[in-house]
């Protein structure tokens, strides 16, 4: 797996990897991460530039909102067991 791009964003780290004819888009925020896989064949042939088009601000904001839900879910589970 190799890194093909990193996109700067103030609220999360975005890294695009290439592996086995797939792009893996990884979002990281603190201890949480989300990843999305795209087959290169599903894109129109522009390579990583096609991935950049998919990662518009509207999509990134939904990812960030999901991080908030993930954090709330994990915090609730952690607090139920009072470690």
PDB file of N, CA and C in Angstrom:
ATOM      1  N   UNK A   1       0.867  -1.166   0.000  1.00  0.00           N
ATOM      2  CA  UNK A   1       0.000   0.000   0.000  1.00  0.00           C
ATOM      3  C   UNK A   1       0.909   1.222   0.000  1.00  0.00           C
ATOM      4  N   UNK A   2       0.625   2.139  -0.894  1.00  0.00           N
ATOM      5  CA  UNK A   2       1.443   3.353  -0.945  1.00  0.00           C
ATOM      6  C   UNK A   2       0.567   4.590  -0.900  1.00  0.00           C
ATOM      7  N   UNK A   3       1.096   5.624  -0.282  1.00  0.00           N
ATOM      8  CA  UNK A   3       0.386   6.896  -0.196  1.00  0.00           C
ATOM      9  C   UNK A   3       0.522   7.597  -1.543  1.00  0.00           C
ATOM     10  N   UNK A   4      -0.628   8.002  -2.116  1.00  0.00           N
ATOM     11  CA  UNK A   4      -0.588   8.740  -3.384  1.00  0.00           C
ATOM     12  C   UNK A   4      -0.942  10.210  -3.205  1.00  0.00           C
ATOM     13  N   UNK A   5      -1.607  10.545  -2.081  1.00  0.00           N
ATOM     14  CA  UNK A   5      -1.940  11.950  -1.847  1.00  0.00           C
ATOM     15  C   UNK A   5      -2.370  12.142  -0.401  1.00  0.00           C
ATOM     16  N   UNK A   6      -2.152  13.355   0.071  1.00  0.00           N
ATOM     17  CA  UNK A   6      -2.697  13.790   1.356  1.00  0.00           C
ATOM     18  C   UNK A   6      -3.389  15.113   1.106  1.00  0.00           C
ATOM     19  N   UNK A   7      -4.610  15.226   1.603  1.00  0.00           N
ATOM     20  CA  UNK A   7      -5.372  16.451   1.421  1.00  0.00           C
ATOM     21  C   UNK A   7      -5.427  17.218   2.729  1.00  0.00           C
ATOM     22  N   UNK A   8      -5.019  18.458   2.711  1.00  0.00           N
ATOM     23  CA  UNK A   8      -5.096  19.233   3.944  1.00  0.00           C
ATOM     24  C   UNK A   8      -6.539  19.596   4.274  1.00  0.00           C
ATOM     25  N   UNK A   9      -6.883  19.445   5.528  1.00  0.00           N
ATOM     26  CA  UNK A   9      -8.199  19.855   6.002  1.00  0.00           C
ATOM     27  C   UNK A   9      -8.061  20.197   7.479  1.00  0.00           C
ATOM     28  N   UNK A  10      -8.675  21.278   7.942  1.00  0.00           N
ATOM     29  CA  UNK A  10      -8.480  21.695   9.334  1.00  0.00           C
ATOM     30  C   UNK A  10      -9.119  20.765  10.370  1.00  0.00           C
ATOM     31  N   UNK A  11     -10.088  19.933   9.980  1.00  0.00           N
ATOM     32  CA  UNK A  11     -10.807  19.134  10.969  1.00  0.00           C
ATOM     33  C   UNK A  11     -10.433  17.657  10.980  1.00  0.00           C
ATOM     34  N   UNK A  12      -9.712  17.188   9.972  1.00  0.00           N
ATOM     35  CA  UNK A  12      -9.324  15.789   9.937  1.00  0.00           C
ATOM     36  C   UNK A  12      -8.158  15.601   8.967  1.00  0.00           C
ATOM     37  N   UNK A  13      -7.486  14.485   9.109  1.00  0.00           N
ATOM     38  CA  UNK A  13      -6.406  14.133   8.195  1.00  0.00           C
ATOM     39  C   UNK A  13      -6.996  13.248   7.105  1.00  0.00           C
ATOM     40  N   UNK A  14      -6.678  13.551   5.844  1.00  0.00           N
ATOM     41  CA  UNK A  14      -7.197  12.778   4.720  1.00  0.00           C
ATOM     42  C   UNK A  14      -6.004  12.238   3.930  1.00  0.00           C
ATOM     43  N   UNK A  15      -5.938  10.925   3.811  1.00  0.00           N
ATOM     44  CA  UNK A  15      -4.857  10.281   3.079  1.00  0.00           C
ATOM     45  C   UNK A  15      -5.466   9.353   2.046  1.00  0.00           C
ATOM     46  N   UNK A  16      -4.907   9.372   0.847  1.00  0.00           N
ATOM     47  CA  UNK A  16      -5.351   8.478  -0.224  1.00  0.00           C
ATOM     48  C   UNK A  16      -4.227   7.498  -0.517  1.00  0.00           C
ATOM     49  N   UNK A  17      -4.566   6.224  -0.452  1.00  0.00           N
ATOM     50  CA  UNK A  17      -3.612   5.152  -0.710  1.00  0.00           C
ATOM     51  C   UNK A  17      -3.990   4.451  -2.015  1.00  0.00           C
ATOM     52  N   UNK A  18      -3.021   3.777  -2.601  1.00  0.00           N
ATOM     53  CA  UNK A  18      -3.272   2.923  -3.755  1.00  0.00           C
ATOM     54  C   UNK A  18      -2.785   1.522  -3.410  1.00  0.00           C
ATOM     55  N   UNK A  19      -3.651   0.520  -3.682  1.00  0.00           N
ATOM     56  CA  UNK A  19      -3.288  -0.866  -3.407  1.00  0.00           C
ATOM     57  C   UNK A  19      -4.192  -1.793  -4.211  1.00  0.00           C
ATOM     58  N   UNK A  20      -3.588  -2.716  -4.935  1.00  0.00           N
ATOM     59  CA  UNK A  20      -4.333  -3.750  -5.671  1.00  0.00           C
ATOM     60  C   UNK A  20      -5.443  -3.170  -6.537  1.00  0.00           C
ATOM     61  N   UNK A  21      -5.126  -2.169  -7.321  1.00  0.00           N
ATOM     62  CA  UNK A  21      -6.069  -1.518  -8.238  1.00  0.00           C
ATOM     63  C   UNK A  21      -7.267  -0.903  -7.518  1.00  0.00           C
ATOM     64  N   UNK A  22      -7.021  -0.469  -6.289  1.00  0.00           N
ATOM     65  CA  UNK A  22      -8.046   0.231  -5.521  1.00  0.00           C
ATOM     66  C   UNK A  22      -7.435   1.473  -4.906  1.00  0.00           C
ATOM     67  N   UNK A  23      -8.267   2.482  -4.725  1.00  0.00           N
ATOM     68  CA  UNK A  23      -7.894   3.637  -3.930  1.00  0.00           C
ATOM     69  C   UNK A  23      -8.556   3.467  -2.572  1.00  0.00           C
ATOM     70  N   UNK A  24      -7.806   3.706  -1.529  1.00  0.00           N
ATOM     71  CA  UNK A  24      -8.342   3.667  -0.173  1.00  0.00           C
ATOM     72  C   UNK A  24      -8.232   5.086   0.372  1.00  0.00           C
ATOM     73  N   UNK A  25      -9.373   5.643   0.755  1.00  0.00           N
ATOM     74  CA  UNK A  25      -9.420   7.002   1.283  1.00  0.00           C
ATOM     75  C   UNK A  25      -9.605   6.879   2.790  1.00  0.00           C
ATOM     76  N   UNK A  26      -8.629   7.382   3.545  1.00  0.00           N
ATOM     77  CA  UNK A  26      -8.676   7.261   4.998  1.00  0.00           C
ATOM     78  C   UNK A  26      -8.793   8.643   5.624  1.00  0.00           C
ATOM     79  N   UNK A  27      -9.795   8.777   6.472  1.00  0.00           N
ATOM     80  CA  UNK A  27     -10.015   9.995   7.247  1.00  0.00           C
ATOM     81  C   UNK A  27      -9.647   9.679   8.693  1.00  0.00           C
ATOM     82  N   UNK A  28      -8.898  10.561   9.334  1.00  0.00           N
ATOM     83  CA  UNK A  28      -8.524  10.369  10.733  1.00  0.00           C
ATOM     84  C   UNK A  28      -8.840  11.632  11.521  1.00  0.00           C
ATOM     85  N   UNK A  29      -9.385  11.413  12.704  1.00  0.00           N
ATOM     86  CA  UNK A  29      -9.642  12.511  13.626  1.00  0.00           C
ATOM     87  C   UNK A  29      -9.391  11.966  15.030  1.00  0.00           C
ATOM     88  N   UNK A  30      -8.280  12.368  15.614  1.00  0.00           N
ATOM     89  CA  UNK A  30      -7.920  11.841  16.922  1.00  0.00           C
ATOM     90  C   UNK A  30      -7.707  10.345  16.859  1.00  0.00           C
ATOM     91  N   UNK A  31      -8.403   9.611  17.717  1.00  0.00           N
ATOM     92  CA  UNK A  31      -8.238   8.152  17.761  1.00  0.00           C
ATOM     93  C   UNK A  31      -9.210   7.416  16.841  1.00  0.00           C
ATOM     94  N   UNK A  32     -10.020   8.147  16.099  1.00  0.00           N
ATOM     95  CA  UNK A  32     -11.012   7.524  15.233  1.00  0.00           C
ATOM     96  C   UNK A  32     -10.598   7.629  13.775  1.00  0.00           C
ATOM     97  N   UNK A  33     -11.003   6.635  12.994  1.00  0.00           N
ATOM     98  CA  UNK A  33     -10.731   6.686  11.562  1.00  0.00           C
ATOM     99  C   UNK A  33     -11.867   6.042  10.783  1.00  0.00           C
ATOM    100  N   UNK A  34     -12.016   6.510   9.546  1.00  0.00           N
ATOM    101  CA  UNK A  34     -12.989   5.954   8.614  1.00  0.00           C
ATOM    102  C   UNK A  34     -12.249   5.721   7.306  1.00  0.00           C
ATOM    103  N   UNK A  35     -12.596   4.654   6.606  1.00  0.00           N
ATOM    104  CA  UNK A  35     -11.964   4.426   5.310  1.00  0.00           C
ATOM    105  C   UNK A  35     -13.006   4.013   4.282  1.00  0.00           C
ATOM    106  N   UNK A  36     -12.720   4.383   3.049  1.00  0.00           N
ATOM    107  CA  UNK A  36     -13.588   4.103   1.917  1.00  0.00           C
ATOM    108  C   UNK A  36     -12.723   3.550   0.807  1.00  0.00           C
ATOM    109  N   UNK A  37     -13.203   2.508   0.130  1.00  0.00           N
ATOM    110  CA  UNK A  37     -12.439   1.888  -0.947  1.00  0.00           C
ATOM    111  C   UNK A  37     -13.154   2.098  -2.275  1.00  0.00           C
ATOM    112  N   UNK A  38     -12.364   2.411  -3.284  1.00  0.00           N
ATOM    113  CA  UNK A  38     -12.879   2.595  -4.644  1.00  0.00           C
ATOM    114  C   UNK A  38     -12.036   1.786  -5.610  1.00  0.00           C
ATOM    115  N   UNK A  39     -12.665   0.972  -6.415  1.00  0.00           N
ATOM    116  CA  UNK A  39     -11.925   0.279  -7.468  1.00  0.00           C
ATOM    117  C   UNK A  39     -11.542   1.286  -8.548  1.00  0.00           C
ATOM    118  N   UNK A  40     -10.301   1.214  -9.009  1.00  0.00           N
ATOM    119  CA  UNK A  40      -9.859   2.122 -10.058  1.00  0.00           C
ATOM    120  C   UNK A  40     -10.741   1.993 -11.297  1.00  0.00           C
ATOM    121  N   UNK A  41     -11.263   0.798 -11.559  1.00  0.00           N
ATOM    122  CA  UNK A  41     -12.118   0.582 -12.728  1.00  0.00           C
ATOM    123  C   UNK A  41     -13.455   1.299 -12.620  1.00  0.00           C
ATOM    124  N   UNK A  42     -13.871   1.653 -11.408  1.00  0.00           N
ATOM    125  CA  UNK A  42     -15.136   2.364 -11.207  1.00  0.00           C
ATOM    126  C   UNK A  42     -15.016   3.855 -11.506  1.00  0.00           C
ATOM    127  N   UNK A  43     -13.797   4.321 -11.719  1.00  0.00           N
ATOM    128  CA  UNK A  43     -13.572   5.732 -12.014  1.00  0.00           C
ATOM    129  C   UNK A  43     -13.424   5.926 -13.509  1.00  0.00           C
ATOM    130  N   UNK A  44     -13.509   7.160 -13.954  1.00  0.00           N
ATOM    131  CA  UNK A  44     -13.534   7.428 -15.401  1.00  0.00           C
ATOM    132  C   UNK A  44     -12.157   7.421 -16.054  1.00  0.00           C
ATOM    133  N   UNK A  45     -11.128   7.110 -15.303  1.00  0.00           N
ATOM    134  CA  UNK A  45      -9.810   7.006 -15.919  1.00  0.00           C
ATOM    135  C   UNK A  45      -8.852   8.112 -15.559  1.00  0.00           C
ATOM    136  N   UNK A  46      -9.295   9.046 -14.747  1.00  0.00           N
ATOM    137  CA  UNK A  46      -8.432  10.155 -14.362  1.00  0.00           C
ATOM    138  C   UNK A  46      -7.573   9.866 -13.152  1.00  0.00           C
ATOM    139  N   UNK A  47      -7.628   8.633 -12.652  1.00  0.00           N
ATOM    140  CA  UNK A  47      -6.819   8.256 -11.506  1.00  0.00           C
ATOM    141  C   UNK A  47      -7.212   8.992 -10.246  1.00  0.00           C
ATOM    142  N   UNK A  48      -6.188   9.412  -9.519  1.00  0.00           N
ATOM    143  CA  UNK A  48      -6.431  10.044  -8.230  1.00  0.00           C
ATOM    144  C   UNK A  48      -7.193  11.359  -8.385  1.00  0.00           C
ATOM    145  N   UNK A  49      -7.131  12.003  -9.523  1.00  0.00           N
ATOM    146  CA  UNK A  49      -7.898  13.233  -9.745  1.00  0.00           C
ATOM    147  C   UNK A  49      -9.400  12.978  -9.659  1.00  0.00           C
ATOM    148  N   UNK A  50      -9.839  11.793 -10.081  1.00  0.00           N
ATOM    149  CA  UNK A  50     -11.254  11.441  -9.939  1.00  0.00           C
ATOM    150  C   UNK A  50     -11.637  11.329  -8.465  1.00  0.00           C
ATOM    151  N   UNK A  51     -10.721  10.824  -7.657  1.00  0.00           N
ATOM    152  CA  UNK A  51     -10.976  10.711  -6.216  1.00  0.00           C
ATOM    153  C   UNK A  51     -11.117  12.105  -5.611  1.00  0.00           C
ATOM    154  N   UNK A  52     -10.253  13.036  -6.029  1.00  0.00           N
ATOM    155  CA  UNK A  52     -10.333  14.413  -5.524  1.00  0.00           C
ATOM    156  C   UNK A  52     -11.713  15.012  -5.791  1.00  0.00           C
ATOM    157  N   UNK A  53     -12.294  14.724  -6.935  1.00  0.00           N
ATOM    158  CA  UNK A  53     -13.620  15.265  -7.268  1.00  0.00           C
ATOM    159  C   UNK A  53     -14.697  14.719  -6.337  1.00  0.00           C
ATOM    160  N   UNK A  54     -14.573  13.458  -5.972  1.00  0.00           N
ATOM    161  CA  UNK A  54     -15.559  12.847  -5.074  1.00  0.00           C
ATOM    162  C   UNK A  54     -15.481  13.465  -3.683  1.00  0.00           C
ATOM    163  N   UNK A  55     -14.289  13.830  -3.266  1.00  0.00           N
ATOM    164  CA  UNK A  55     -14.078  14.352  -1.911  1.00  0.00           C
ATOM    165  C   UNK A  55     -14.388  15.843  -1.838  1.00  0.00           C
ATOM    166  N   UNK A  56     -15.615  16.182  -2.158  1.00  0.00           N
ATOM    167  CA  UNK A  56     -16.015  17.588  -2.068  1.00  0.00           C
ATOM    168  C   UNK A  56     -16.331  17.939  -0.609  1.00  0.00           C
ATOM    169  N   UNK A  57     -16.499  19.212  -0.344  1.00  0.00           N
ATOM    170  CA  UNK A  57     -16.698  19.670   1.033  1.00  0.00           C
ATOM    171  C   UNK A  57     -17.978  19.102   1.650  1.00  0.00           C
ATOM    172  N   UNK A  58     -19.009  18.904   0.842  1.00  0.00           N
ATOM    173  CA  UNK A  58     -20.256  18.330   1.370  1.00  0.00           C
ATOM    174  C   UNK A  58     -20.009  16.924   1.914  1.00  0.00           C
ATOM    175  N   UNK A  59     -19.275  16.100   1.165  1.00  0.00           N
ATOM    176  CA  UNK A  59     -18.965  14.743   1.625  1.00  0.00           C
ATOM    177  C   UNK A  59     -18.092  14.790   2.875  1.00  0.00           C
ATOM    178  N   UNK A  60     -17.077  15.641   2.870  1.00  0.00           N
ATOM    179  CA  UNK A  60     -16.176  15.737   4.016  1.00  0.00           C
ATOM    180  C   UNK A  60     -16.944  16.144   5.268  1.00  0.00           C
ATOM    181  N   UNK A  61     -17.905  17.028   5.138  1.00  0.00           N
ATOM    182  CA  UNK A  61     -18.702  17.433   6.301  1.00  0.00           C
ATOM    183  C   UNK A  61     -19.526  16.279   6.847  1.00  0.00           C
ATOM    184  N   UNK A  62     -20.014  15.381   5.980  1.00  0.00           N
ATOM    185  CA  UNK A  62     -20.747  14.210   6.485  1.00  0.00           C
ATOM    186  C   UNK A  62     -19.798  13.265   7.221  1.00  0.00           C
ATOM    187  N   UNK A  63     -18.573  13.156   6.745  1.00  0.00           N
ATOM    188  CA  UNK A  63     -17.569  12.336   7.433  1.00  0.00           C
ATOM    189  C   UNK A  63     -17.288  12.914   8.820  1.00  0.00           C
ATOM    190  N   UNK A  64     -17.134  14.219   8.907  1.00  0.00           N
ATOM    191  CA  UNK A  64     -16.865  14.874  10.185  1.00  0.00           C
ATOM    192  C   UNK A  64     -18.043  14.697  11.141  1.00  0.00           C
ATOM    193  N   UNK A  65     -19.263  14.804  10.619  1.00  0.00           N
ATOM    194  CA  UNK A  65     -20.451  14.573  11.453  1.00  0.00           C
ATOM    195  C   UNK A  65     -20.467  13.132  11.965  1.00  0.00           C
ATOM    196  N   UNK A  66     -20.051  12.196  11.128  1.00  0.00           N
ATOM    197  CA  UNK A  66     -20.010  10.791  11.544  1.00  0.00           C
ATOM    198  C   UNK A  66     -18.971  10.589  12.647  1.00  0.00           C
ATOM    199  N   UNK A  67     -17.855  11.321  12.580  1.00  0.00           N
ATOM    200  CA  UNK A  67     -16.867  11.254  13.662  1.00  0.00           C
ATOM    201  C   UNK A  67     -17.496  11.654  14.995  1.00  0.00           C
ATOM    202  N   UNK A  68     -18.339  12.679  14.978  1.00  0.00           N
ATOM    203  CA  UNK A  68     -18.999  13.121  16.212  1.00  0.00           C
ATOM    204  C   UNK A  68     -19.893  12.022  16.767  1.00  0.00           C
ATOM    205  N   UNK A  69     -20.616  11.335  15.883  1.00  0.00           N
ATOM    206  CA  UNK A  69     -21.479  10.230  16.311  1.00  0.00           C
ATOM    207  C   UNK A  69     -20.631   9.077  16.842  1.00  0.00           C
ATOM    208  N   UNK A  70     -19.547   8.771  16.154  1.00  0.00           N
ATOM    209  CA  UNK A  70     -18.654   7.701  16.607  1.00  0.00           C
ATOM    210  C   UNK A  70     -18.121   8.001  18.005  1.00  0.00           C
ATOM    211  N   UNK A  71     -17.697   9.237  18.216  1.00  0.00           N
ATOM    212  CA  UNK A  71     -17.144   9.631  19.514  1.00  0.00           C
ATOM    213  C   UNK A  71     -18.215   9.517  20.607  1.00  0.00           C
ATOM    214  N   UNK A  72     -19.427   9.967  20.307  1.00  0.00           N
ATOM    215  CA  UNK A  72     -20.517   9.884  21.288  1.00  0.00           C
ATOM    216  C   UNK A  72     -20.844   8.428  21.604  1.00  0.00           C
ATOM    217  N   UNK A  73     -20.909   7.579  20.590  1.00  0.00           N
ATOM    218  CA  UNK A  73     -21.200   6.160  20.806  1.00  0.00           C
ATOM    219  C   UNK A  73     -20.129   5.498  21.671  1.00  0.00           C
ATOM    220  N   UNK A  74     -18.865   5.782  21.342  1.00  0.00           N
ATOM    221  CA  UNK A  74     -17.785   5.163  22.101  1.00  0.00           C
ATOM    222  C   UNK A  74     -17.756   5.672  23.537  1.00  0.00           C
ATOM    223  N   UNK A  75     -17.965   6.960  23.723  1.00  0.00           N
ATOM    224  CA  UNK A  75     -17.975   7.540  25.066  1.00  0.00           C
ATOM    225  C   UNK A  75     -19.098   6.934  25.901  1.00  0.00           C
ATOM    226  N   UNK A  76     -20.260   6.753  25.301  1.00  0.00           N
ATOM    227  CA  UNK A  76     -21.385   6.147  26.012  1.00  0.00           C
ATOM    228  C   UNK A  76     -21.054   4.716  26.415  1.00  0.00           C
ATOM    229  N   UNK A  77     -20.469   3.945  25.514  1.00  0.00           N
ATOM    230  CA  UNK A  77     -20.108   2.564  25.825  1.00  0.00           C
ATOM    231  C   UNK A  77     -19.043   2.517  26.927  1.00  0.00           C
ATOM    232  N   UNK A  78     -18.076   3.386  26.834  1.00  0.00           N
ATOM    233  CA  UNK A  78     -17.022   3.462  27.840  1.00  0.00           C
ATOM    234  C   UNK A  78     -17.606   3.818  29.215  1.00  0.00           C
ATOM    235  N   UNK A  79     -18.494   4.792  29.246  1.00  0.00           N
ATOM    236  CA  UNK A  79     -19.089   5.221  30.515  1.00  0.00           C
ATOM    237  C   UNK A  79     -20.003   4.164  31.118  1.00  0.00           C
ATOM    238  N   UNK A  80     -20.626   3.344  30.298  1.00  0.00           N
ATOM    239  CA  UNK A  80     -21.477   2.272  30.825  1.00  0.00           C
ATOM    240  C   UNK A  80     -20.659   1.261  31.635  1.00  0.00           C
ATOM    241  N   UNK A  81     -19.417   1.126  31.272  1.00  0.00           N
ATOM    242  CA  UNK A  81     -18.569   0.142  31.950  1.00  0.00           C
ATOM    243  C   UNK A  81     -17.612   0.780  32.949  1.00  0.00           C
ATOM    244  N   UNK A  82     -17.608   2.091  33.036  1.00  0.00           N
ATOM    245  CA  UNK A  82     -16.877   2.870  34.041  1.00  0.00           C
ATOM    246  C   UNK A  82     -15.455   2.382  34.271  1.00  0.00           C
ATOM    247  N   UNK A  83     -14.675   2.364  33.217  1.00  0.00           N
ATOM    248  CA  UNK A  83     -13.246   1.988  33.356  1.00  0.00           C
ATOM    249  C   UNK A  83     -12.462   3.113  33.943  1.00  0.00           C
TER     250      UNK A  83
END
